[in-house]
Amino acid sequence: MVKNAVKYRHEYKYVIDMMQKELLQIYTAGILQTDEHVEANGEYLIRSLYFDSLDDNCYYENENGDDPREKYRIRFYNCDSSRISLECKAKTRTMTRKTSCLITRGQCECFMDGMIPEPEREVASNQVAMFEQMRLKNLRPVVIVQYTRAPYINPAGNVRVTYDDNIASSNDIAGFLNRDIPLRSVLSTGHSILEVKWDEFLPSYIKEQLNLDSLQWTSFSKYYLCRKYNCYGGVRV
């Protein structure tokens, strides 16, 4: 596992319908700040390329609910490939920790081809460690996950509340960096994913305003769902 000083954070996920989303998003906008990185519509587009081992260890860890577990992905935003990051997301119970480093387009293309590139000179030590872990685990790209996100933040407790929609998958690994790729929707129409993340504490007024106790918590994994339903003739690919 990649070592990093970053602390684990609380992370709760809920599947909500459109009526719930509209109401909760109004409440959220009234008590939290909009993330400064959003587009004019209040959202940004996230596209990630996920990796797994030859024996699909990450997939089955998700399916079995293994704890702890981690997965690797490459991510960029709003189809802007000028800034690409490699991330390792570790999870234990409801706590998560993300380690990340920037990579070049050339390194990304190497990953897309199923190879682990050499670290760039004078890079952060975590890039070296992450590359090495991916090589040891024999990871290769398996699926693209894309969705839109409306994010809200609160400095107190480092709280982050997000609404994710249009969750879709693609097998077009070679086209990962292209603006347009074929996509397959994986979340039933009329539903969104609400995520609430925080560090040491979640301010009570946020929990009460969003009425979180009335919502059904889920261990929803976009990666797992995209791989489970990204198939042909019922065979996972």
C-alpha atoms as a PDB file:
ATOM      1  CA  MET A   1       0.000   0.000   0.000  1.00  0.00           C
ATOM      2  CA  VAL A   2       1.222   3.476  -0.849  1.00  0.00           C
ATOM      3  CA  LYS A   3       2.323   5.347   2.258  1.00  0.00           C
ATOM      4  CA  ASN A   4       1.215   8.928   2.595  1.00  0.00           C
ATOM      5  CA  ALA A   5       0.713  11.448   5.393  1.00  0.00           C
ATOM      6  CA  VAL A   6      -2.794  12.243   4.157  1.00  0.00           C
ATOM      7  CA  LYS A   7      -5.382  11.311   6.778  1.00  0.00           C
ATOM      8  CA  TYR A   8      -8.373   9.096   6.240  1.00  0.00           C
ATOM      9  CA  ARG A   9     -11.677  10.931   5.765  1.00  0.00           C
ATOM     10  CA  HIS A  10     -15.254   9.952   6.460  1.00  0.00           C
ATOM     11  CA  GLU A  11     -17.244   9.238   3.313  1.00  0.00           C
ATOM     12  CA  TYR A  12     -20.964   8.466   3.152  1.00  0.00           C
ATOM     13  CA  LYS A  13     -22.918   7.780  -0.030  1.00  0.00           C
ATOM     14  CA  TYR A  14     -26.651   7.787  -0.708  1.00  0.00           C
ATOM     15  CA  VAL A  15     -28.740   6.920  -3.777  1.00  0.00           C
ATOM     16  CA  ILE A  16     -31.430   9.587  -4.127  1.00  0.00           C
ATOM     17  CA  ASP A  17     -34.200  10.274  -6.637  1.00  0.00           C
ATOM     18  CA  MET A  18     -34.650  13.475  -8.619  1.00  0.00           C
ATOM     19  CA  MET A  19     -37.189  14.995  -6.222  1.00  0.00           C
ATOM     20  CA  GLN A  20     -34.851  14.421  -3.289  1.00  0.00           C
ATOM     21  CA  LYS A  21     -31.944  15.841  -5.241  1.00  0.00           C
ATOM     22  CA  GLU A  22     -33.757  19.038  -6.204  1.00  0.00           C
ATOM     23  CA  LEU A  23     -34.784  19.709  -2.612  1.00  0.00           C
ATOM     24  CA  LEU A  24     -31.467  18.729  -1.015  1.00  0.00           C
ATOM     25  CA  GLN A  25     -29.436  20.708  -3.529  1.00  0.00           C
ATOM     26  CA  ILE A  26     -31.439  23.831  -2.678  1.00  0.00           C
ATOM     27  CA  TYR A  27     -30.655  23.275   1.017  1.00  0.00           C
ATOM     28  CA  THR A  28     -26.997  22.573   0.228  1.00  0.00           C
ATOM     29  CA  ALA A  29     -26.584  25.725  -1.856  1.00  0.00           C
ATOM     30  CA  GLY A  30     -28.015  27.729   1.046  1.00  0.00           C
ATOM     31  CA  ILE A  31     -25.465  26.556   3.629  1.00  0.00           C
ATOM     32  CA  LEU A  32     -22.330  25.628   1.649  1.00  0.00           C
ATOM     33  CA  GLN A  33     -20.094  27.301  -0.915  1.00  0.00           C
ATOM     34  CA  THR A  34     -19.992  26.168  -4.528  1.00  0.00           C
ATOM     35  CA  ASP A  35     -16.634  24.655  -5.471  1.00  0.00           C
ATOM     36  CA  GLU A  36     -14.629  27.246  -7.402  1.00  0.00           C
ATOM     37  CA  HIS A  37     -13.706  24.784 -10.154  1.00  0.00           C
ATOM     38  CA  VAL A  38     -17.216  24.289 -11.529  1.00  0.00           C
ATOM     39  CA  GLU A  39     -18.334  25.384 -14.985  1.00  0.00           C
ATOM     40  CA  ALA A  40     -21.061  27.985 -15.581  1.00  0.00           C
ATOM     41  CA  ASN A  41     -23.748  25.322 -14.998  1.00  0.00           C
ATOM     42  CA  GLY A  42     -22.455  24.622 -11.476  1.00  0.00           C
ATOM     43  CA  GLU A  43     -20.966  21.242 -12.409  1.00  0.00           C
ATOM     44  CA  TYR A  44     -17.851  19.703 -13.862  1.00  0.00           C
ATOM     45  CA  LEU A  45     -17.282  16.535 -15.847  1.00  0.00           C
ATOM     46  CA  ILE A  46     -15.120  13.789 -14.355  1.00  0.00           C
ATOM     47  CA  ARG A  47     -13.587  11.018 -16.448  1.00  0.00           C
ATOM     48  CA  SER A  48     -11.503   8.266 -14.860  1.00  0.00           C
ATOM     49  CA  LEU A  49      -9.624   5.259 -16.184  1.00  0.00           C
ATOM     50  CA  TYR A  50      -9.621   2.448 -13.616  1.00  0.00           C
ATOM     51  CA  PHE A  51      -7.088  -0.341 -13.253  1.00  0.00           C
ATOM     52  CA  ASP A  52      -7.307  -3.905 -12.020  1.00  0.00           C
ATOM     53  CA  SER A  53      -5.098  -6.978 -11.796  1.00  0.00           C
ATOM     54  CA  LEU A  54      -5.212  -9.874 -14.223  1.00  0.00           C
ATOM     55  CA  ASP A  55      -7.379 -11.821 -11.760  1.00  0.00           C
ATOM     56  CA  ASP A  56      -9.731  -8.834 -11.222  1.00  0.00           C
ATOM     57  CA  ASN A  57      -8.764  -8.526  -7.581  1.00  0.00           C
ATOM     58  CA  CYS A  58     -10.177  -4.990  -7.181  1.00  0.00           C
ATOM     59  CA  TYR A  59     -13.505  -6.014  -8.697  1.00  0.00           C
ATOM     60  CA  TYR A  60     -13.941  -8.987  -6.382  1.00  0.00           C
ATOM     61  CA  GLU A  61     -12.782  -7.024  -3.330  1.00  0.00           C
ATOM     62  CA  ASN A  62     -15.629  -4.593  -4.032  1.00  0.00           C
ATOM     63  CA  GLU A  63     -18.096  -7.409  -4.618  1.00  0.00           C
ATOM     64  CA  ASN A  64     -17.119  -9.168  -1.399  1.00  0.00           C
ATOM     65  CA  GLY A  65     -16.924  -5.976   0.661  1.00  0.00           C
ATOM     66  CA  ASP A  66     -13.308  -6.687   1.633  1.00  0.00           C
ATOM     67  CA  ASP A  67     -11.840  -4.254   4.114  1.00  0.00           C
ATOM     68  CA  PRO A  68      -9.417  -2.604   3.694  1.00  0.00           C
ATOM     69  CA  ARG A  69      -9.064  -2.257  -0.060  1.00  0.00           C
ATOM     70  CA  GLU A  70      -7.685   0.194  -2.614  1.00  0.00           C
ATOM     71  CA  LYS A  71      -7.937   0.976  -6.294  1.00  0.00           C
ATOM     72  CA  TYR A  72      -5.944   2.985  -8.825  1.00  0.00           C
ATOM     73  CA  ARG A  73      -7.285   5.368 -11.441  1.00  0.00           C
ATOM     74  CA  ILE A  74      -6.226   8.138 -13.814  1.00  0.00           C
ATOM     75  CA  ARG A  75      -8.488  11.180 -13.788  1.00  0.00           C
ATOM     76  CA  PHE A  76      -9.017  14.477 -15.575  1.00  0.00           C
ATOM     77  CA  TYR A  77     -11.787  17.072 -15.665  1.00  0.00           C
ATOM     78  CA  ASN A  78     -13.991  18.734 -18.298  1.00  0.00           C
ATOM     79  CA  CYS A  79     -12.192  16.838 -21.091  1.00  0.00           C
ATOM     80  CA  ASP A  80      -9.092  18.969 -20.423  1.00  0.00           C
ATOM     81  CA  SER A  81      -6.130  16.614 -20.724  1.00  0.00           C
ATOM     82  CA  SER A  82      -3.575  19.330 -19.938  1.00  0.00           C
ATOM     83  CA  ARG A  83      -3.784  18.297 -16.278  1.00  0.00           C
ATOM     84  CA  ILE A  84      -3.952  14.555 -15.595  1.00  0.00           C
ATOM     85  CA  SER A  85      -3.590  12.889 -12.209  1.00  0.00           C
ATOM     86  CA  LEU A  86      -2.931   9.349 -11.064  1.00  0.00           C
ATOM     87  CA  GLU A  87      -4.767   8.469  -7.870  1.00  0.00           C
ATOM     88  CA  CYS A  88      -4.830   5.644  -5.357  1.00  0.00           C
ATOM     89  CA  LYS A  89      -8.001   5.558  -3.264  1.00  0.00           C
ATOM     90  CA  ALA A  90      -7.771   3.433  -0.134  1.00  0.00           C
ATOM     91  CA  LYS A  91     -10.851   2.532   1.886  1.00  0.00           C
ATOM     92  CA  THR A  92     -11.421   1.031   5.311  1.00  0.00           C
ATOM     93  CA  ARG A  93     -14.988   0.869   6.610  1.00  0.00           C
ATOM     94  CA  THR A  94     -16.488   4.287   5.814  1.00  0.00           C
ATOM     95  CA  MET A  95     -13.083   6.025   5.832  1.00  0.00           C
ATOM     96  CA  THR A  96     -11.175   6.866   2.665  1.00  0.00           C
ATOM     97  CA  ARG A  97      -7.753   8.241   1.823  1.00  0.00           C
ATOM     98  CA  LYS A  98      -6.630   9.495  -1.570  1.00  0.00           C
ATOM     99  CA  THR A  99      -3.021   9.708  -2.690  1.00  0.00           C
ATOM    100  CA  SER A 100      -2.393  11.462  -5.999  1.00  0.00           C
ATOM    101  CA  CYS A 101       0.299  12.777  -8.311  1.00  0.00           C
ATOM    102  CA  LEU A 102       0.337  14.566 -11.640  1.00  0.00           C
ATOM    103  CA  ILE A 103       1.412  12.605 -14.713  1.00  0.00           C
ATOM    104  CA  THR A 104       2.255  13.684 -18.237  1.00  0.00           C
ATOM    105  CA  ARG A 105       0.152  12.919 -21.283  1.00  0.00           C
ATOM    106  CA  GLY A 106       2.902  10.582 -22.473  1.00  0.00           C
ATOM    107  CA  GLN A 107       2.824   8.675 -19.194  1.00  0.00           C
ATOM    108  CA  CYS A 108      -0.963   8.483 -19.416  1.00  0.00           C
ATOM    109  CA  GLU A 109      -0.792   7.052 -22.926  1.00  0.00           C
ATOM    110  CA  CYS A 110       1.692   4.481 -21.686  1.00  0.00           C
ATOM    111  CA  PHE A 111      -0.742   3.434 -18.947  1.00  0.00           C
ATOM    112  CA  MET A 112      -3.520   3.260 -21.541  1.00  0.00           C
ATOM    113  CA  ASP A 113      -1.400   0.818 -23.539  1.00  0.00           C
ATOM    114  CA  GLY A 114      -1.173  -1.444 -20.503  1.00  0.00           C
ATOM    115  CA  MET A 115       2.402  -0.540 -19.545  1.00  0.00           C
ATOM    116  CA  ILE A 116       3.782   1.135 -16.416  1.00  0.00           C
ATOM    117  CA  PRO A 117       5.957   4.106 -17.477  1.00  0.00           C
ATOM    118  CA  GLU A 118       9.110   5.284 -15.797  1.00  0.00           C
ATOM    119  CA  PRO A 119       8.695   8.183 -13.333  1.00  0.00           C
ATOM    120  CA  GLU A 120       9.749  11.604 -14.548  1.00  0.00           C
ATOM    121  CA  ARG A 121      12.934  13.106 -13.160  1.00  0.00           C
ATOM    122  CA  GLU A 122      12.593  15.335 -10.110  1.00  0.00           C
ATOM    123  CA  VAL A 123       9.063  14.173  -9.308  1.00  0.00           C
ATOM    124  CA  ALA A 124       7.363  13.777  -5.967  1.00  0.00           C
ATOM    125  CA  SER A 125       8.278  10.559  -4.187  1.00  0.00           C
ATOM    126  CA  ASN A 126       4.669   9.376  -4.197  1.00  0.00           C
ATOM    127  CA  GLN A 127       4.744   9.089  -8.011  1.00  0.00           C
ATOM    128  CA  VAL A 128       7.670   6.690  -7.762  1.00  0.00           C
ATOM    129  CA  ALA A 129       5.880   4.694  -5.050  1.00  0.00           C
ATOM    130  CA  MET A 130       2.580   4.560  -6.933  1.00  0.00           C
ATOM    131  CA  PHE A 131       4.202   3.443 -10.178  1.00  0.00           C
ATOM    132  CA  GLU A 132       6.060   0.728  -8.311  1.00  0.00           C
ATOM    133  CA  GLN A 133       2.905  -0.527  -6.571  1.00  0.00           C
ATOM    134  CA  MET A 134       1.041  -0.676  -9.874  1.00  0.00           C
ATOM    135  CA  ARG A 135       3.907  -2.645 -11.379  1.00  0.00           C
ATOM    136  CA  LEU A 136       4.010  -5.068  -8.434  1.00  0.00           C
ATOM    137  CA  LYS A 137       0.239  -5.597  -8.591  1.00  0.00           C
ATOM    138  CA  ASN A 138       0.436  -6.095 -12.366  1.00  0.00           C
ATOM    139  CA  LEU A 139      -2.369  -3.588 -12.933  1.00  0.00           C
ATOM    140  CA  ARG A 140      -3.814  -2.838 -16.355  1.00  0.00           C
ATOM    141  CA  PRO A 141      -6.598  -0.481 -17.545  1.00  0.00           C
ATOM    142  CA  VAL A 142     -10.046  -2.095 -17.525  1.00  0.00           C
ATOM    143  CA  VAL A 143     -12.841   0.487 -17.737  1.00  0.00           C
ATOM    144  CA  ILE A 144     -13.595   4.195 -18.123  1.00  0.00           C
ATOM    145  CA  VAL A 145     -16.038   5.823 -15.687  1.00  0.00           C
ATOM    146  CA  GLN A 146     -17.564   9.221 -16.500  1.00  0.00           C
ATOM    147  CA  TYR A 147     -20.104  11.403 -14.703  1.00  0.00           C
ATOM    148  CA  THR A 148     -21.061  14.995 -13.938  1.00  0.00           C
ATOM    149  CA  ARG A 149     -20.644  16.392 -10.432  1.00  0.00           C
ATOM    150  CA  ALA A 150     -22.162  19.376  -8.619  1.00  0.00           C
ATOM    151  CA  PRO A 151     -19.790  20.022  -5.669  1.00  0.00           C
ATOM    152  CA  TYR A 152     -20.225  22.124  -2.521  1.00  0.00           C
ATOM    153  CA  ILE A 153     -17.685  22.781   0.223  1.00  0.00           C
ATOM    154  CA  ASN A 154     -17.406  24.060   3.796  1.00  0.00           C
ATOM    155  CA  PRO A 155     -13.978  24.800   5.364  1.00  0.00           C
ATOM    156  CA  ALA A 156     -15.258  23.827   8.837  1.00  0.00           C
ATOM    157  CA  GLY A 157     -14.483  20.124   9.071  1.00  0.00           C
ATOM    158  CA  ASN A 158     -13.291  20.167   5.453  1.00  0.00           C
ATOM    159  CA  VAL A 159     -16.797  19.118   4.420  1.00  0.00           C
ATOM    160  CA  ARG A 160     -17.564  18.271   0.811  1.00  0.00           C
ATOM    161  CA  VAL A 161     -21.083  17.503  -0.463  1.00  0.00           C
ATOM    162  CA  THR A 162     -21.462  16.363  -4.067  1.00  0.00           C
ATOM    163  CA  TYR A 163     -24.274  15.307  -6.394  1.00  0.00           C
ATOM    164  CA  ASP A 164     -23.215  12.906  -9.161  1.00  0.00           C
ATOM    165  CA  ASP A 165     -25.315  12.321 -12.284  1.00  0.00           C
ATOM    166  CA  ASN A 166     -25.059  10.766 -15.746  1.00  0.00           C
ATOM    167  CA  ILE A 167     -22.832   7.945 -14.522  1.00  0.00           C
ATOM    168  CA  ALA A 168     -21.643   5.979 -17.531  1.00  0.00           C
ATOM    169  CA  SER A 169     -18.939   3.525 -18.561  1.00  0.00           C
ATOM    170  CA  SER A 170     -16.885   2.870 -21.667  1.00  0.00           C
ATOM    171  CA  ASN A 171     -14.532   0.186 -22.958  1.00  0.00           C
ATOM    172  CA  ASP A 172     -12.820   2.628 -25.343  1.00  0.00           C
ATOM    173  CA  ILE A 173      -9.531   2.662 -23.418  1.00  0.00           C
ATOM    174  CA  ALA A 174      -7.636   3.915 -26.485  1.00  0.00           C
ATOM    175  CA  GLY A 175      -9.981   6.916 -26.690  1.00  0.00           C
ATOM    176  CA  PHE A 176      -9.745   7.842 -23.012  1.00  0.00           C
ATOM    177  CA  LEU A 177      -8.215  11.267 -23.738  1.00  0.00           C
ATOM    178  CA  ASN A 178     -10.564  12.053 -26.633  1.00  0.00           C
ATOM    179  CA  ARG A 179     -13.362  14.542 -26.097  1.00  0.00           C
ATOM    180  CA  ASP A 180     -16.083  12.201 -27.349  1.00  0.00           C
ATOM    181  CA  ILE A 181     -16.189   8.483 -26.570  1.00  0.00           C
ATOM    182  CA  PRO A 182     -18.972   5.860 -26.666  1.00  0.00           C
ATOM    183  CA  LEU A 183     -20.666   5.620 -23.278  1.00  0.00           C
ATOM    184  CA  ARG A 184     -23.150   3.313 -21.588  1.00  0.00           C
ATOM    185  CA  SER A 185     -25.365   4.546 -18.740  1.00  0.00           C
ATOM    186  CA  VAL A 186     -25.144   2.400 -15.602  1.00  0.00           C
ATOM    187  CA  LEU A 187     -27.444   4.203 -13.135  1.00  0.00           C
ATOM    188  CA  SER A 188     -31.204   3.907 -13.438  1.00  0.00           C
ATOM    189  CA  THR A 189     -32.961   6.969 -14.862  1.00  0.00           C
ATOM    190  CA  GLY A 190     -34.077   9.510 -12.304  1.00  0.00           C
ATOM    191  CA  HIS A 191     -31.443   8.741  -9.676  1.00  0.00           C
ATOM    192  CA  SER A 192     -28.302  10.495  -8.433  1.00  0.00           C
ATOM    193  CA  ILE A 193     -25.530   9.760  -5.966  1.00  0.00           C
ATOM    194  CA  LEU A 194     -25.159  12.061  -2.971  1.00  0.00           C
ATOM    195  CA  GLU A 195     -21.743  11.927  -1.301  1.00  0.00           C
ATOM    196  CA  VAL A 196     -20.862  13.593   1.996  1.00  0.00           C
ATOM    197  CA  LYS A 197     -17.198  13.713   3.056  1.00  0.00           C
ATOM    198  CA  TRP A 198     -15.496  15.267   6.060  1.00  0.00           C
ATOM    199  CA  ASP A 199     -12.406  15.041   8.266  1.00  0.00           C
ATOM    200  CA  GLU A 200     -12.731  15.061  12.068  1.00  0.00           C
ATOM    201  CA  PHE A 201     -16.326  16.281  12.354  1.00  0.00           C
ATOM    202  CA  LEU A 202     -19.480  16.985  10.373  1.00  0.00           C
ATOM    203  CA  PRO A 203     -21.166  20.186  11.629  1.00  0.00           C
ATOM    204  CA  SER A 204     -24.557  19.280  13.068  1.00  0.00           C
ATOM    205  CA  TYR A 205     -26.420  21.934  11.084  1.00  0.00           C
ATOM    206  CA  ILE A 206     -25.276  20.320   7.814  1.00  0.00           C
ATOM    207  CA  LYS A 207     -26.393  16.868   8.918  1.00  0.00           C
ATOM    208  CA  GLU A 208     -29.735  18.251  10.079  1.00  0.00           C
ATOM    209  CA  GLN A 209     -30.335  20.464   7.042  1.00  0.00           C
ATOM    210  CA  LEU A 210     -29.702  17.561   4.659  1.00  0.00           C
ATOM    211  CA  ASN A 211     -31.707  15.229   6.926  1.00  0.00           C
ATOM    212  CA  LEU A 212     -29.079  12.524   6.422  1.00  0.00           C
ATOM    213  CA  ASP A 213     -30.579  10.213   9.035  1.00  0.00           C
ATOM    214  CA  SER A 214     -33.627   9.755   6.799  1.00  0.00           C
ATOM    215  CA  LEU A 215     -31.572   8.682   3.784  1.00  0.00           C
ATOM    216  CA  GLN A 216     -30.395   5.147   3.078  1.00  0.00           C
ATOM    217  CA  TRP A 217     -26.640   4.763   3.211  1.00  0.00           C
ATOM    218  CA  THR A 218     -25.049   2.678   0.438  1.00  0.00           C
ATOM    219  CA  SER A 219     -21.607   1.232  -0.283  1.00  0.00           C
ATOM    220  CA  PHE A 220     -22.122   2.260  -3.932  1.00  0.00           C
ATOM    221  CA  SER A 221     -18.976   1.986  -6.066  1.00  0.00           C
ATOM    222  CA  LYS A 222     -19.001   3.603  -9.496  1.00  0.00           C
ATOM    223  CA  TYR A 223     -16.093   1.416 -10.545  1.00  0.00           C
ATOM    224  CA  TYR A 224     -17.813  -1.803  -9.475  1.00  0.00           C
ATOM    225  CA  LEU A 225     -21.137  -0.900 -11.084  1.00  0.00           C
ATOM    226  CA  CYS A 226     -19.485   0.132 -14.352  1.00  0.00           C
ATOM    227  CA  ARG A 227     -17.562  -3.136 -14.580  1.00  0.00           C
ATOM    228  CA  LYS A 228     -20.532  -5.240 -13.524  1.00  0.00           C
ATOM    229  CA  TYR A 229     -22.832  -3.874 -16.214  1.00  0.00           C
ATOM    230  CA  ASN A 230     -20.228  -3.026 -18.846  1.00  0.00           C
ATOM    231  CA  CYS A 231     -20.665  -6.309 -20.660  1.00  0.00           C
ATOM    232  CA  TYR A 232     -21.664  -7.923 -23.924  1.00  0.00           C
ATOM    233  CA  GLY A 233     -24.070 -10.830 -23.941  1.00  0.00           C
ATOM    234  CA  GLY A 234     -23.978 -10.913 -20.141  1.00  0.00           C
ATOM    235  CA  VAL A 235     -20.205 -11.418 -19.942  1.00  0.00           C
ATOM    236  CA  ARG A 236     -18.201  -8.873 -17.932  1.00  0.00           C
ATOM    237  CA  VAL A 237     -15.293  -7.395 -19.916  1.00  0.00           C
END
